Amino acid sequence: MQFTNEELTQKINELKNKLDVTVVAHFYQRDEVFDIGDITGDSLELATRTRDDDSEFVLFCGVGFMGQSVKVLSPDKRVVMPKIACCAMAKMIDGLYFDESVAFMEKNGISKENILPITYINSNADVKAKVGEMGGLVCTSSNAKFIITEALKEGKKILFVPDRCLGQNIANQMGLKSMVIGDGGDPKENDIICYDGFCSVHQLFSLDDIAFYRKKFPGILIAVHPECDPEICDASDFVGSTSQLIKYIKELPLDQKIAVGTEFNMVNRLREKNTYILSSTKPECPTMNETTLEDVYLTLKAIDDGEPINEIHIDEKTQKWAKIALERMLAL
């Protein structure tokens, strides 16, 4: 039997009231899924806020590494996901590729003791654990500049994984030299050595898109996420994380036109007028949009039946070191 979204929402709310569960939803989720979240936000905000929540179950609407982050910070919670969708960027690196990146730097004359790894939170727990074991830490798009500033005080080379764009953009902001592994650069001559990963959604925005909007609407502002290519960030008026973009745009006068370079669902919810998507192609994250209301309902029903599905489990060693990497960031 097929249910309408209204019927599914009603069934979901009935189960939420019955069960010891908190539903959390990332900003990039479909509107109907986002709207049933008890806690909404970006990936780190969701992980830290659920840590202080008393529910036995966390039902996480997002992608796999986010559910893992909740489990890492709150190992006693039972974390389930309607869909364990895979973030394409997080999929680009694993423990083996991380080890190969370290080996590349060692081969080029930098000892392992002189490498300080930093992983963007958009990475799986095994990579966070590798980083933690080497004395490194996690960062987010909103605190990456601060984290890198603090890390450089140790006098080591920064290995930044997996997003080359975020690493390069922060380096540019700070006046540092950066390179991408595989581009032929010399790690000894650079401050930040970036792994060659990226977000496929944020690669959709182009200089032509910016030129189009500036010509069509003189005085328009361009705001983008730092996962965009450096040339896009350099040509924009504001660069910020998801939460920073939301704050910046909501504080603008309503008559100020703005074109935004980030995921469609979030931008579409920001405000009704004078807000445009900085792309001729709909920049919708396919994996973030895998989760449906029906998936949420079935996951809640499985909890109610005593047979939870899609539960996140992390082995003890990975749990330990990934948590250390996350907590180093939170301590700063």
C-alpha atoms as a PDB file:
ATOM      1  CA  MET A   1       0.000   0.000   0.000  1.00  0.00           C
ATOM      2  CA  GLN A   2       1.315   3.407  -0.978  1.00  0.00           C
ATOM      3  CA  PHE A   3       1.039   6.267   1.511  1.00  0.00           C
ATOM      4  CA  THR A   4       1.021   9.958   0.693  1.00  0.00           C
ATOM      5  CA  ASN A   5       3.676  12.201   2.233  1.00  0.00           C
ATOM      6  CA  GLU A   6       1.022  13.560   4.586  1.00  0.00           C
ATOM      7  CA  GLU A   7       0.091  10.060   5.743  1.00  0.00           C
ATOM      8  CA  LEU A   8       3.739   9.084   6.155  1.00  0.00           C
ATOM      9  CA  THR A   9       4.445  12.235   8.170  1.00  0.00           C
ATOM     10  CA  GLN A  10       1.546  11.414  10.475  1.00  0.00           C
ATOM     11  CA  LYS A  11       2.759   7.824  10.954  1.00  0.00           C
ATOM     12  CA  ILE A  12       6.312   9.055  11.589  1.00  0.00           C
ATOM     13  CA  ASN A  13       5.159  11.533  14.219  1.00  0.00           C
ATOM     14  CA  GLU A  14       3.092   8.838  15.944  1.00  0.00           C
ATOM     15  CA  LEU A  15       6.146   6.543  16.149  1.00  0.00           C
ATOM     16  CA  LYS A  16       8.401   9.402  17.288  1.00  0.00           C
ATOM     17  CA  ASN A  17       6.013  10.089  20.166  1.00  0.00           C
ATOM     18  CA  LYS A  18       5.941   6.407  21.079  1.00  0.00           C
ATOM     19  CA  LEU A  19       9.657   5.553  20.817  1.00  0.00           C
ATOM     20  CA  ASP A  20      12.787   6.713  22.646  1.00  0.00           C
ATOM     21  CA  VAL A  21      14.268   8.151  19.461  1.00  0.00           C
ATOM     22  CA  THR A  22      15.513  11.487  18.151  1.00  0.00           C
ATOM     23  CA  VAL A  23      15.343  12.152  14.404  1.00  0.00           C
ATOM     24  CA  VAL A  24      18.131  14.342  13.057  1.00  0.00           C
ATOM     25  CA  ALA A  25      18.364  15.708   9.513  1.00  0.00           C
ATOM     26  CA  HIS A  26      21.135  17.452   7.604  1.00  0.00           C
ATOM     27  CA  PHE A  27      20.517  20.743   5.775  1.00  0.00           C
ATOM     28  CA  TYR A  28      20.854  18.982   2.391  1.00  0.00           C
ATOM     29  CA  GLN A  29      17.980  16.546   2.950  1.00  0.00           C
ATOM     30  CA  ARG A  30      14.736  16.739   0.954  1.00  0.00           C
ATOM     31  CA  ASP A  31      12.302  19.296   2.391  1.00  0.00           C
ATOM     32  CA  GLU A  32       9.796  16.711   3.617  1.00  0.00           C
ATOM     33  CA  VAL A  33      12.564  14.775   5.427  1.00  0.00           C
ATOM     34  CA  PHE A  34      14.220  17.901   6.807  1.00  0.00           C
ATOM     35  CA  ASP A  35      10.874  19.070   8.199  1.00  0.00           C
ATOM     36  CA  ILE A  36      10.420  16.001  10.437  1.00  0.00           C
ATOM     37  CA  GLY A  37      13.849  16.380  12.058  1.00  0.00           C
ATOM     38  CA  ASP A  38      13.931  17.030  15.791  1.00  0.00           C
ATOM     39  CA  ILE A  39      17.459  18.358  15.359  1.00  0.00           C
ATOM     40  CA  THR A  40      18.640  19.909  12.088  1.00  0.00           C
ATOM     41  CA  GLY A  41      21.963  21.401  11.070  1.00  0.00           C
ATOM     42  CA  ASP A  42      25.312  20.645   9.458  1.00  0.00           C
ATOM     43  CA  SER A  43      27.313  17.490  10.095  1.00  0.00           C
ATOM     44  CA  LEU A  44      29.316  18.541  13.166  1.00  0.00           C
ATOM     45  CA  GLU A  45      26.405  20.408  14.738  1.00  0.00           C
ATOM     46  CA  LEU A  46      24.275  17.275  14.472  1.00  0.00           C
ATOM     47  CA  ALA A  47      26.980  15.101  16.024  1.00  0.00           C
ATOM     48  CA  THR A  48      27.587  17.430  18.957  1.00  0.00           C
ATOM     49  CA  ARG A  49      23.943  18.221  19.659  1.00  0.00           C
ATOM     50  CA  THR A  50      22.915  14.570  19.644  1.00  0.00           C
ATOM     51  CA  ARG A  51      25.733  13.865  22.107  1.00  0.00           C
ATOM     52  CA  ASP A  52      23.750  15.870  24.657  1.00  0.00           C
ATOM     53  CA  ASP A  53      20.422  14.242  23.738  1.00  0.00           C
ATOM     54  CA  ASP A  54      18.945  11.653  26.111  1.00  0.00           C
ATOM     55  CA  SER A  55      17.228   9.350  23.587  1.00  0.00           C
ATOM     56  CA  GLU A  56      18.395   5.751  23.248  1.00  0.00           C
ATOM     57  CA  PHE A  57      18.158   5.858  19.451  1.00  0.00           C
ATOM     58  CA  VAL A  58      19.378   8.483  16.997  1.00  0.00           C
ATOM     59  CA  LEU A  59      17.791   8.165  13.561  1.00  0.00           C
ATOM     60  CA  PHE A  60      20.167  10.055  11.295  1.00  0.00           C
ATOM     61  CA  CYS A  61      19.022  11.392   7.914  1.00  0.00           C
ATOM     62  CA  GLY A  62      22.201  12.137   5.990  1.00  0.00           C
ATOM     63  CA  VAL A  63      25.178  10.230   4.615  1.00  0.00           C
ATOM     64  CA  GLY A  64      27.260   7.469   6.178  1.00  0.00           C
ATOM     65  CA  PHE A  65      30.195   9.424   7.619  1.00  0.00           C
ATOM     66  CA  MET A  66      27.758  11.655   9.511  1.00  0.00           C
ATOM     67  CA  GLY A  67      26.089   8.724  11.225  1.00  0.00           C
ATOM     68  CA  GLN A  68      29.564   7.437  12.051  1.00  0.00           C
ATOM     69  CA  SER A  69      30.512  10.779  13.639  1.00  0.00           C
ATOM     70  CA  VAL A  70      27.493  10.550  15.948  1.00  0.00           C
ATOM     71  CA  LYS A  71      28.479   7.008  16.941  1.00  0.00           C
ATOM     72  CA  VAL A  72      32.126   7.992  17.475  1.00  0.00           C
ATOM     73  CA  LEU A  73      31.233  10.873  19.800  1.00  0.00           C
ATOM     74  CA  SER A  74      28.382   8.973  21.487  1.00  0.00           C
ATOM     75  CA  PRO A  75      29.391   5.285  21.500  1.00  0.00           C
ATOM     76  CA  ASP A  76      26.611   4.318  23.924  1.00  0.00           C
ATOM     77  CA  LYS A  77      23.880   5.584  21.597  1.00  0.00           C
ATOM     78  CA  ARG A  78      22.256   3.353  19.035  1.00  0.00           C
ATOM     79  CA  VAL A  79      22.568   5.111  15.696  1.00  0.00           C
ATOM     80  CA  VAL A  80      20.404   4.003  12.767  1.00  0.00           C
ATOM     81  CA  MET A  81      20.040   5.479   9.306  1.00  0.00           C
ATOM     82  CA  PRO A  82      17.118   5.219   6.860  1.00  0.00           C
ATOM     83  CA  LYS A  83      19.750   4.919   4.128  1.00  0.00           C
ATOM     84  CA  ILE A  84      23.468   4.483   4.729  1.00  0.00           C
ATOM     85  CA  ALA A  85      24.141   6.670   1.716  1.00  0.00           C
ATOM     86  CA  CYS A  86      27.742   7.174   0.697  1.00  0.00           C
ATOM     87  CA  CYS A  87      29.234  10.655   0.389  1.00  0.00           C
ATOM     88  CA  ALA A  88      31.204  10.665  -2.870  1.00  0.00           C
ATOM     89  CA  MET A  89      34.016  12.726  -1.356  1.00  0.00           C
ATOM     90  CA  ALA A  90      34.346  10.450   1.677  1.00  0.00           C
ATOM     91  CA  LYS A  91      34.436   7.461  -0.699  1.00  0.00           C
ATOM     92  CA  MET A  92      37.467   8.923  -2.491  1.00  0.00           C
ATOM     93  CA  ILE A  93      39.797   8.114   0.398  1.00  0.00           C
ATOM     94  CA  ASP A  94      40.225   5.153   2.719  1.00  0.00           C
ATOM     95  CA  GLY A  95      42.924   3.968   5.101  1.00  0.00           C
ATOM     96  CA  LEU A  96      45.060   2.570   2.263  1.00  0.00           C
ATOM     97  CA  TYR A  97      44.966   5.778   0.215  1.00  0.00           C
ATOM     98  CA  PHE A  98      45.785   7.742   3.360  1.00  0.00           C
ATOM     99  CA  ASP A  99      48.833   5.556   3.980  1.00  0.00           C
ATOM    100  CA  GLU A 100      49.901   6.044   0.350  1.00  0.00           C
ATOM    101  CA  SER A 101      49.658   9.824   0.793  1.00  0.00           C
ATOM    102  CA  VAL A 102      51.917   9.667   3.841  1.00  0.00           C
ATOM    103  CA  ALA A 103      54.329   7.445   1.910  1.00  0.00           C
ATOM    104  CA  PHE A 104      54.396   9.992  -0.949  1.00  0.00           C
ATOM    105  CA  MET A 105      55.498  12.710   1.466  1.00  0.00           C
ATOM    106  CA  GLU A 106      58.118  10.439   3.032  1.00  0.00           C
ATOM    107  CA  LYS A 107      59.452   9.538  -0.420  1.00  0.00           C
ATOM    108  CA  ASN A 108      59.838  13.259  -1.077  1.00  0.00           C
ATOM    109  CA  GLY A 109      61.985  13.876   1.970  1.00  0.00           C
ATOM    110  CA  ILE A 110      59.475  14.596   4.753  1.00  0.00           C
ATOM    111  CA  SER A 111      59.670  12.232   7.700  1.00  0.00           C
ATOM    112  CA  LYS A 112      56.461  10.845   9.185  1.00  0.00           C
ATOM    113  CA  GLU A 113      57.262  12.651  12.452  1.00  0.00           C
ATOM    114  CA  ASN A 114      57.155  15.965  10.558  1.00  0.00           C
ATOM    115  CA  ILE A 115      53.698  15.358   9.041  1.00  0.00           C
ATOM    116  CA  LEU A 116      50.570  16.585  10.788  1.00  0.00           C
ATOM    117  CA  PRO A 117      47.430  15.183   9.116  1.00  0.00           C
ATOM    118  CA  ILE A 118      44.115  17.007   9.159  1.00  0.00           C
ATOM    119  CA  THR A 119      40.978  15.402   7.803  1.00  0.00           C
ATOM    120  CA  TYR A 120      37.873  17.252   6.771  1.00  0.00           C
ATOM    121  CA  ILE A 121      34.900  15.897   8.700  1.00  0.00           C
ATOM    122  CA  ASN A 122      33.615  14.604   5.341  1.00  0.00           C
ATOM    123  CA  SER A 123      35.597  11.379   5.745  1.00  0.00           C
ATOM    124  CA  ASN A 124      34.828   7.933   7.063  1.00  0.00           C
ATOM    125  CA  ALA A 125      35.770   6.767  10.552  1.00  0.00           C
ATOM    126  CA  ASP A 126      38.726   4.666   9.350  1.00  0.00           C
ATOM    127  CA  VAL A 127      40.408   7.768   7.914  1.00  0.00           C
ATOM    128  CA  LYS A 128      39.674   9.821  11.035  1.00  0.00           C
ATOM    129  CA  ALA A 129      41.254   7.009  13.061  1.00  0.00           C
ATOM    130  CA  LYS A 130      44.408   7.004  10.905  1.00  0.00           C
ATOM    131  CA  VAL A 131      44.659  10.760  11.378  1.00  0.00           C
ATOM    132  CA  GLY A 132      44.130  10.428  15.123  1.00  0.00           C
ATOM    133  CA  GLU A 133      46.880   7.799  15.435  1.00  0.00           C
ATOM    134  CA  MET A 134      49.354  10.183  13.760  1.00  0.00           C
ATOM    135  CA  GLY A 135      48.560  12.985  16.189  1.00  0.00           C
ATOM    136  CA  GLY A 136      46.252  14.784  13.784  1.00  0.00           C
ATOM    137  CA  LEU A 137      42.744  16.094  14.046  1.00  0.00           C
ATOM    138  CA  VAL A 138      39.476  16.784  12.253  1.00  0.00           C
ATOM    139  CA  CYS A 139      38.233  20.099  10.860  1.00  0.00           C
ATOM    140  CA  THR A 140      35.004  21.429   9.373  1.00  0.00           C
ATOM    141  CA  SER A 141      34.542  23.966   6.600  1.00  0.00           C
ATOM    142  CA  SER A 142      33.720  26.618   9.204  1.00  0.00           C
ATOM    143  CA  ASN A 143      36.758  26.062  11.448  1.00  0.00           C
ATOM    144  CA  ALA A 144      39.357  24.825   8.927  1.00  0.00           C
ATOM    145  CA  LYS A 145      41.276  28.118   8.903  1.00  0.00           C
ATOM    146  CA  PHE A 146      41.473  28.171  12.695  1.00  0.00           C
ATOM    147  CA  ILE A 147      42.452  24.508  12.921  1.00  0.00           C
ATOM    148  CA  ILE A 148      45.196  24.897  10.300  1.00  0.00           C
ATOM    149  CA  THR A 149      46.472  28.056  12.019  1.00  0.00           C
ATOM    150  CA  GLU A 150      46.791  26.140  15.288  1.00  0.00           C
ATOM    151  CA  ALA A 151      48.310  23.093  13.589  1.00  0.00           C
ATOM    152  CA  LEU A 152      51.028  25.116  11.878  1.00  0.00           C
ATOM    153  CA  LYS A 153      52.347  26.167  15.286  1.00  0.00           C
ATOM    154  CA  GLU A 154      53.822  22.663  15.549  1.00  0.00           C
ATOM    155  CA  GLY A 155      56.149  23.478  12.654  1.00  0.00           C
ATOM    156  CA  LYS A 156      55.116  20.469  10.590  1.00  0.00           C
ATOM    157  CA  LYS A 157      53.880  19.953   7.046  1.00  0.00           C
ATOM    158  CA  ILE A 158      50.089  19.690   6.843  1.00  0.00           C
ATOM    159  CA  LEU A 159      48.631  16.695   5.013  1.00  0.00           C
ATOM    160  CA  PHE A 160      45.061  17.757   4.278  1.00  0.00           C
ATOM    161  CA  VAL A 161      42.504  15.116   3.266  1.00  0.00           C
ATOM    162  CA  PRO A 162      40.284  14.502   1.388  1.00  0.00           C
ATOM    163  CA  ASP A 163      39.055  17.802  -0.127  1.00  0.00           C
ATOM    164  CA  ARG A 164      41.692  19.533  -2.219  1.00  0.00           C
ATOM    165  CA  CYS A 165      39.432  22.577  -2.752  1.00  0.00           C
ATOM    166  CA  LEU A 166      38.917  23.316   0.937  1.00  0.00           C
ATOM    167  CA  GLY A 167      42.625  22.843   1.589  1.00  0.00           C
ATOM    168  CA  GLN A 168      43.667  25.121  -1.279  1.00  0.00           C
ATOM    169  CA  ASN A 169      41.081  27.774  -0.447  1.00  0.00           C
ATOM    170  CA  ILE A 170      42.224  27.992   3.173  1.00  0.00           C
ATOM    171  CA  ALA A 171      45.847  28.130   2.043  1.00  0.00           C
ATOM    172  CA  ASN A 172      45.004  31.002  -0.299  1.00  0.00           C
ATOM    173  CA  GLN A 173      43.195  32.880   2.481  1.00  0.00           C
ATOM    174  CA  MET A 174      46.205  32.490   4.759  1.00  0.00           C
ATOM    175  CA  GLY A 175      48.839  33.306   2.145  1.00  0.00           C
ATOM    176  CA  LEU A 176      50.280  29.793   2.349  1.00  0.00           C
ATOM    177  CA  LYS A 177      51.674  27.608  -0.412  1.00  0.00           C
ATOM    178  CA  SER A 178      49.716  24.465  -1.271  1.00  0.00           C
ATOM    179  CA  MET A 179      49.844  21.616  -3.735  1.00  0.00           C
ATOM    180  CA  VAL A 180      47.721  18.631  -4.696  1.00  0.00           C
ATOM    181  CA  ILE A 181      49.239  15.155  -4.611  1.00  0.00           C
ATOM    182  CA  GLY A 182      49.757  14.115  -8.223  1.00  0.00           C
ATOM    183  CA  ASP A 183      50.167  17.627  -9.654  1.00  0.00           C
ATOM    184  CA  GLY A 184      53.960  17.338  -9.815  1.00  0.00           C
ATOM    185  CA  GLY A 185      54.646  19.714  -6.932  1.00  0.00           C
ATOM    186  CA  ASP A 186      57.337  19.300  -4.294  1.00  0.00           C
ATOM    187  CA  PRO A 187      55.922  18.788  -0.772  1.00  0.00           C
ATOM    188  CA  LYS A 188      59.036  20.348   0.763  1.00  0.00           C
ATOM    189  CA  GLU A 189      58.213  23.643  -0.965  1.00  0.00           C
ATOM    190  CA  ASN A 190      54.588  23.754   0.195  1.00  0.00           C
ATOM    191  CA  ASP A 191      52.897  24.311   3.554  1.00  0.00           C
ATOM    192  CA  ILE A 192      49.748  22.280   2.868  1.00  0.00           C
ATOM    193  CA  ILE A 193      49.786  19.086   0.827  1.00  0.00           C
ATOM    194  CA  CYS A 194      46.255  18.252  -0.298  1.00  0.00           C
ATOM    195  CA  TYR A 195      44.801  14.890  -1.225  1.00  0.00           C
ATOM    196  CA  ASP A 196      43.059  14.945  -4.627  1.00  0.00           C
ATOM    197  CA  GLY A 197      39.449  14.579  -3.435  1.00  0.00           C
ATOM    198  CA  PHE A 198      36.487  16.838  -4.130  1.00  0.00           C
ATOM    199  CA  CYS A 199      32.723  17.301  -3.846  1.00  0.00           C
ATOM    200  CA  SER A 200      31.005  16.533  -7.145  1.00  0.00           C
ATOM    201  CA  VAL A 201      28.117  18.907  -6.365  1.00  0.00           C
ATOM    202  CA  HIS A 202      30.388  21.883  -5.690  1.00  0.00           C
ATOM    203  CA  GLN A 203      32.284  21.205  -8.922  1.00  0.00           C
ATOM    204  CA  LEU A 204      29.171  22.203 -10.885  1.00  0.00           C
ATOM    205  CA  PHE A 205      29.682  25.950 -10.406  1.00  0.00           C
ATOM    206  CA  SER A 206      31.698  27.814 -13.036  1.00  0.00           C
ATOM    207  CA  LEU A 207      33.127  31.260 -13.754  1.00  0.00           C
ATOM    208  CA  ASP A 208      30.631  31.478 -16.616  1.00  0.00           C
ATOM    209  CA  ASP A 209      27.804  31.117 -14.079  1.00  0.00           C
ATOM    210  CA  ILE A 210      29.216  34.002 -12.042  1.00  0.00           C
ATOM    211  CA  ALA A 211      29.657  36.164 -15.158  1.00  0.00           C
ATOM    212  CA  PHE A 212      26.072  35.400 -16.241  1.00  0.00           C
ATOM    213  CA  TYR A 213      24.558  36.560 -12.949  1.00  0.00           C
ATOM    214  CA  ARG A 214      26.772  39.638 -12.625  1.00  0.00           C
ATOM    215  CA  LYS A 215      25.734  40.722 -16.130  1.00  0.00           C
ATOM    216  CA  LYS A 216      22.029  39.948 -15.643  1.00  0.00           C
ATOM    217  CA  PHE A 217      21.750  41.548 -12.188  1.00  0.00           C
ATOM    218  CA  PRO A 218      24.279  44.373 -11.636  1.00  0.00           C
ATOM    219  CA  GLY A 219      25.058  44.572  -7.933  1.00  0.00           C
ATOM    220  CA  ILE A 220      24.200  40.929  -7.228  1.00  0.00           C
ATOM    221  CA  LEU A 221      26.284  39.185  -4.592  1.00  0.00           C
ATOM    222  CA  ILE A 222      27.884  35.773  -5.129  1.00  0.00           C
ATOM    223  CA  ALA A 223      28.223  33.473  -2.102  1.00  0.00           C
ATOM    224  CA  VAL A 224      29.769  30.011  -2.307  1.00  0.00           C
ATOM    225  CA  HIS A 225      30.929  27.095  -0.180  1.00  0.00           C
ATOM    226  CA  PRO A 226      34.705  26.525   0.192  1.00  0.00           C
ATOM    227  CA  GLU A 227      34.306  23.071  -1.382  1.00  0.00           C
ATOM    228  CA  CYS A 228      34.108  24.980  -4.692  1.00  0.00           C
ATOM    229  CA  ASP A 229      37.236  25.311  -6.851  1.00  0.00           C
ATOM    230  CA  PRO A 230      39.589  28.125  -5.771  1.00  0.00           C
ATOM    231  CA  GLU A 231      38.910  30.146  -8.914  1.00  0.00           C
ATOM    232  CA  ILE A 232      35.200  30.191  -8.027  1.00  0.00           C
ATOM    233  CA  CYS A 233      35.890  31.250  -4.446  1.00  0.00           C
ATOM    234  CA  ASP A 234      38.300  33.960  -5.583  1.00  0.00           C
ATOM    235  CA  ALA A 235      35.626  35.435  -7.888  1.00  0.00           C
ATOM    236  CA  SER A 236      32.917  35.438  -5.183  1.00  0.00           C
ATOM    237  CA  ASP A 237      31.868  38.052  -2.623  1.00  0.00           C
ATOM    238  CA  PHE A 238      31.514  35.626   0.278  1.00  0.00           C
ATOM    239  CA  VAL A 239      32.893  32.160   0.991  1.00  0.00           C
ATOM    240  CA  GLY A 240      31.572  30.205   3.950  1.00  0.00           C
ATOM    241  CA  SER A 241      30.417  26.918   5.401  1.00  0.00           C
ATOM    242  CA  THR A 242      26.787  25.844   5.291  1.00  0.00           C
ATOM    243  CA  SER A 243      25.954  27.541   8.600  1.00  0.00           C
ATOM    244  CA  GLN A 244      27.982  30.631   7.668  1.00  0.00           C
ATOM    245  CA  LEU A 245      26.168  30.912   4.319  1.00  0.00           C
ATOM    246  CA  ILE A 246      22.799  30.689   6.060  1.00  0.00           C
ATOM    247  CA  LYS A 247      23.722  33.430   8.547  1.00  0.00           C
ATOM    248  CA  TYR A 248      25.203  35.698   5.865  1.00  0.00           C
ATOM    249  CA  ILE A 249      22.213  35.416   3.546  1.00  0.00           C
ATOM    250  CA  LYS A 250      19.561  35.808   6.252  1.00  0.00           C
ATOM    251  CA  GLU A 251      21.187  39.042   7.410  1.00  0.00           C
ATOM    252  CA  LEU A 252      21.040  40.622   3.926  1.00  0.00           C
ATOM    253  CA  PRO A 253      18.308  43.146   3.034  1.00  0.00           C
ATOM    254  CA  LEU A 254      15.440  41.335   1.314  1.00  0.00           C
ATOM    255  CA  ASP A 255      15.901  43.382  -1.848  1.00  0.00           C
ATOM    256  CA  GLN A 256      19.563  42.339  -2.184  1.00  0.00           C
ATOM    257  CA  LYS A 257      19.908  39.773  -4.932  1.00  0.00           C
ATOM    258  CA  ILE A 258      22.293  36.903  -4.293  1.00  0.00           C
ATOM    259  CA  ALA A 259      23.393  33.804  -6.223  1.00  0.00           C
ATOM    260  CA  VAL A 260      24.511  30.908  -4.049  1.00  0.00           C
ATOM    261  CA  GLY A 261      26.917  28.116  -4.929  1.00  0.00           C
ATOM    262  CA  THR A 262      26.012  25.134  -2.778  1.00  0.00           C
ATOM    263  CA  GLU A 263      23.499  22.277  -2.541  1.00  0.00           C
ATOM    264  CA  PHE A 264      20.061  23.005  -4.023  1.00  0.00           C
ATOM    265  CA  ASN A 265      17.801  21.896  -1.166  1.00  0.00           C
ATOM    266  CA  MET A 266      19.477  24.156   1.367  1.00  0.00           C
ATOM    267  CA  VAL A 267      19.516  27.193  -0.913  1.00  0.00           C
ATOM    268  CA  ASN A 268      15.887  26.625  -1.862  1.00  0.00           C
ATOM    269  CA  ARG A 269      14.848  26.955   1.803  1.00  0.00           C
ATOM    270  CA  LEU A 270      16.788  30.136   2.554  1.00  0.00           C
ATOM    271  CA  ARG A 271      14.361  32.856   1.502  1.00  0.00           C
ATOM    272  CA  GLU A 272      11.572  33.316  -1.037  1.00  0.00           C
ATOM    273  CA  LYS A 273      12.850  36.251  -3.083  1.00  0.00           C
ATOM    274  CA  ASN A 274      16.063  37.436  -4.748  1.00  0.00           C
ATOM    275  CA  THR A 275      17.956  34.184  -4.129  1.00  0.00           C
ATOM    276  CA  TYR A 276      19.322  32.240  -7.092  1.00  0.00           C
ATOM    277  CA  ILE A 277      21.166  28.973  -7.657  1.00  0.00           C
ATOM    278  CA  LEU A 278      24.624  29.629  -9.107  1.00  0.00           C
ATOM    279  CA  SER A 279      24.359  26.948 -11.766  1.00  0.00           C
ATOM    280  CA  SER A 280      22.541  26.104 -14.968  1.00  0.00           C
ATOM    281  CA  THR A 281      22.400  22.510 -13.631  1.00  0.00           C
ATOM    282  CA  LYS A 282      20.456  21.650 -10.475  1.00  0.00           C
ATOM    283  CA  PRO A 283      23.193  21.109  -7.846  1.00  0.00           C
ATOM    284  CA  GLU A 284      21.404  18.405  -5.901  1.00  0.00           C
ATOM    285  CA  CYS A 285      23.468  15.897  -3.921  1.00  0.00           C
ATOM    286  CA  PRO A 286      22.289  12.478  -5.166  1.00  0.00           C
ATOM    287  CA  THR A 287      23.286  10.578  -2.025  1.00  0.00           C
ATOM    288  CA  MET A 288      21.807  13.135   0.382  1.00  0.00           C
ATOM    289  CA  ASN A 289      18.569  12.819  -1.559  1.00  0.00           C
ATOM    290  CA  GLU A 290      18.371   9.023  -1.311  1.00  0.00           C
ATOM    291  CA  THR A 291      16.505   9.204   2.001  1.00  0.00           C
ATOM    292  CA  THR A 292      12.717   9.377   1.666  1.00  0.00           C
ATOM    293  CA  LEU A 293       9.869   9.707   4.151  1.00  0.00           C
ATOM    294  CA  GLU A 294       9.051   6.061   3.532  1.00  0.00           C
ATOM    295  CA  ASP A 295      12.622   5.115   4.499  1.00  0.00           C
ATOM    296  CA  VAL A 296      12.272   7.079   7.742  1.00  0.00           C
ATOM    297  CA  TYR A 297       8.943   5.427   8.505  1.00  0.00           C
ATOM    298  CA  LEU A 298      10.282   1.916   7.852  1.00  0.00           C
ATOM    299  CA  THR A 299      13.328   2.579  10.034  1.00  0.00           C
ATOM    300  CA  LEU A 300      11.145   3.780  12.910  1.00  0.00           C
ATOM    301  CA  LYS A 301       8.813   0.814  12.429  1.00  0.00           C
ATOM    302  CA  ALA A 302      11.805  -1.556  12.632  1.00  0.00           C
ATOM    303  CA  ILE A 303      12.765  -0.009  15.984  1.00  0.00           C
ATOM    304  CA  ASP A 304       9.176  -0.416  17.151  1.00  0.00           C
ATOM    305  CA  ASP A 305       9.234  -4.075  16.057  1.00  0.00           C
ATOM    306  CA  GLY A 306      12.400  -4.651  18.090  1.00  0.00           C
ATOM    307  CA  GLU A 307      14.542  -5.315  15.009  1.00  0.00           C
ATOM    308  CA  PRO A 308      16.419  -2.080  14.172  1.00  0.00           C
ATOM    309  CA  ILE A 309      17.865  -1.840  10.659  1.00  0.00           C
ATOM    310  CA  ASN A 310      20.893  -0.009   9.233  1.00  0.00           C
ATOM    311  CA  GLU A 311      22.531   0.356  12.635  1.00  0.00           C
ATOM    312  CA  ILE A 312      26.004   1.928  12.702  1.00  0.00           C
ATOM    313  CA  HIS A 313      28.740  -0.204  14.300  1.00  0.00           C
ATOM    314  CA  ILE A 314      32.418   0.795  14.592  1.00  0.00           C
ATOM    315  CA  ASP A 315      35.208  -1.457  15.816  1.00  0.00           C
ATOM    316  CA  GLU A 316      36.911  -0.570  19.102  1.00  0.00           C
ATOM    317  CA  LYS A 317      40.253   0.626  17.685  1.00  0.00           C
ATOM    318  CA  THR A 318      38.670   2.798  14.992  1.00  0.00           C
ATOM    319  CA  GLN A 319      36.239   4.184  17.550  1.00  0.00           C
ATOM    320  CA  LYS A 320      39.079   5.106  19.922  1.00  0.00           C
ATOM    321  CA  TRP A 321      41.322   6.953  17.463  1.00  0.00           C
ATOM    322  CA  ALA A 322      38.537   8.594  15.441  1.00  0.00           C
ATOM    323  CA  LYS A 323      37.125   9.986  18.688  1.00  0.00           C
ATOM    324  CA  ILE A 324      40.544  11.320  19.661  1.00  0.00           C
ATOM    325  CA  ALA A 325      40.835  13.108  16.295  1.00  0.00           C
ATOM    326  CA  LEU A 326      37.376  14.651  16.723  1.00  0.00           C
ATOM    327  CA  GLU A 327      37.954  15.613  20.343  1.00  0.00           C
ATOM    328  CA  ARG A 328      41.236  17.343  19.492  1.00  0.00           C
ATOM    329  CA  MET A 329      39.234  19.641  17.234  1.00  0.00           C
ATOM    330  CA  LEU A 330      36.514  20.196  19.813  1.00  0.00           C
ATOM    331  CA  ALA A 331      39.128  20.992  22.475  1.00  0.00           C
ATOM    332  CA  LEU A 332      40.468  23.801  20.288  1.00  0.00           C
END
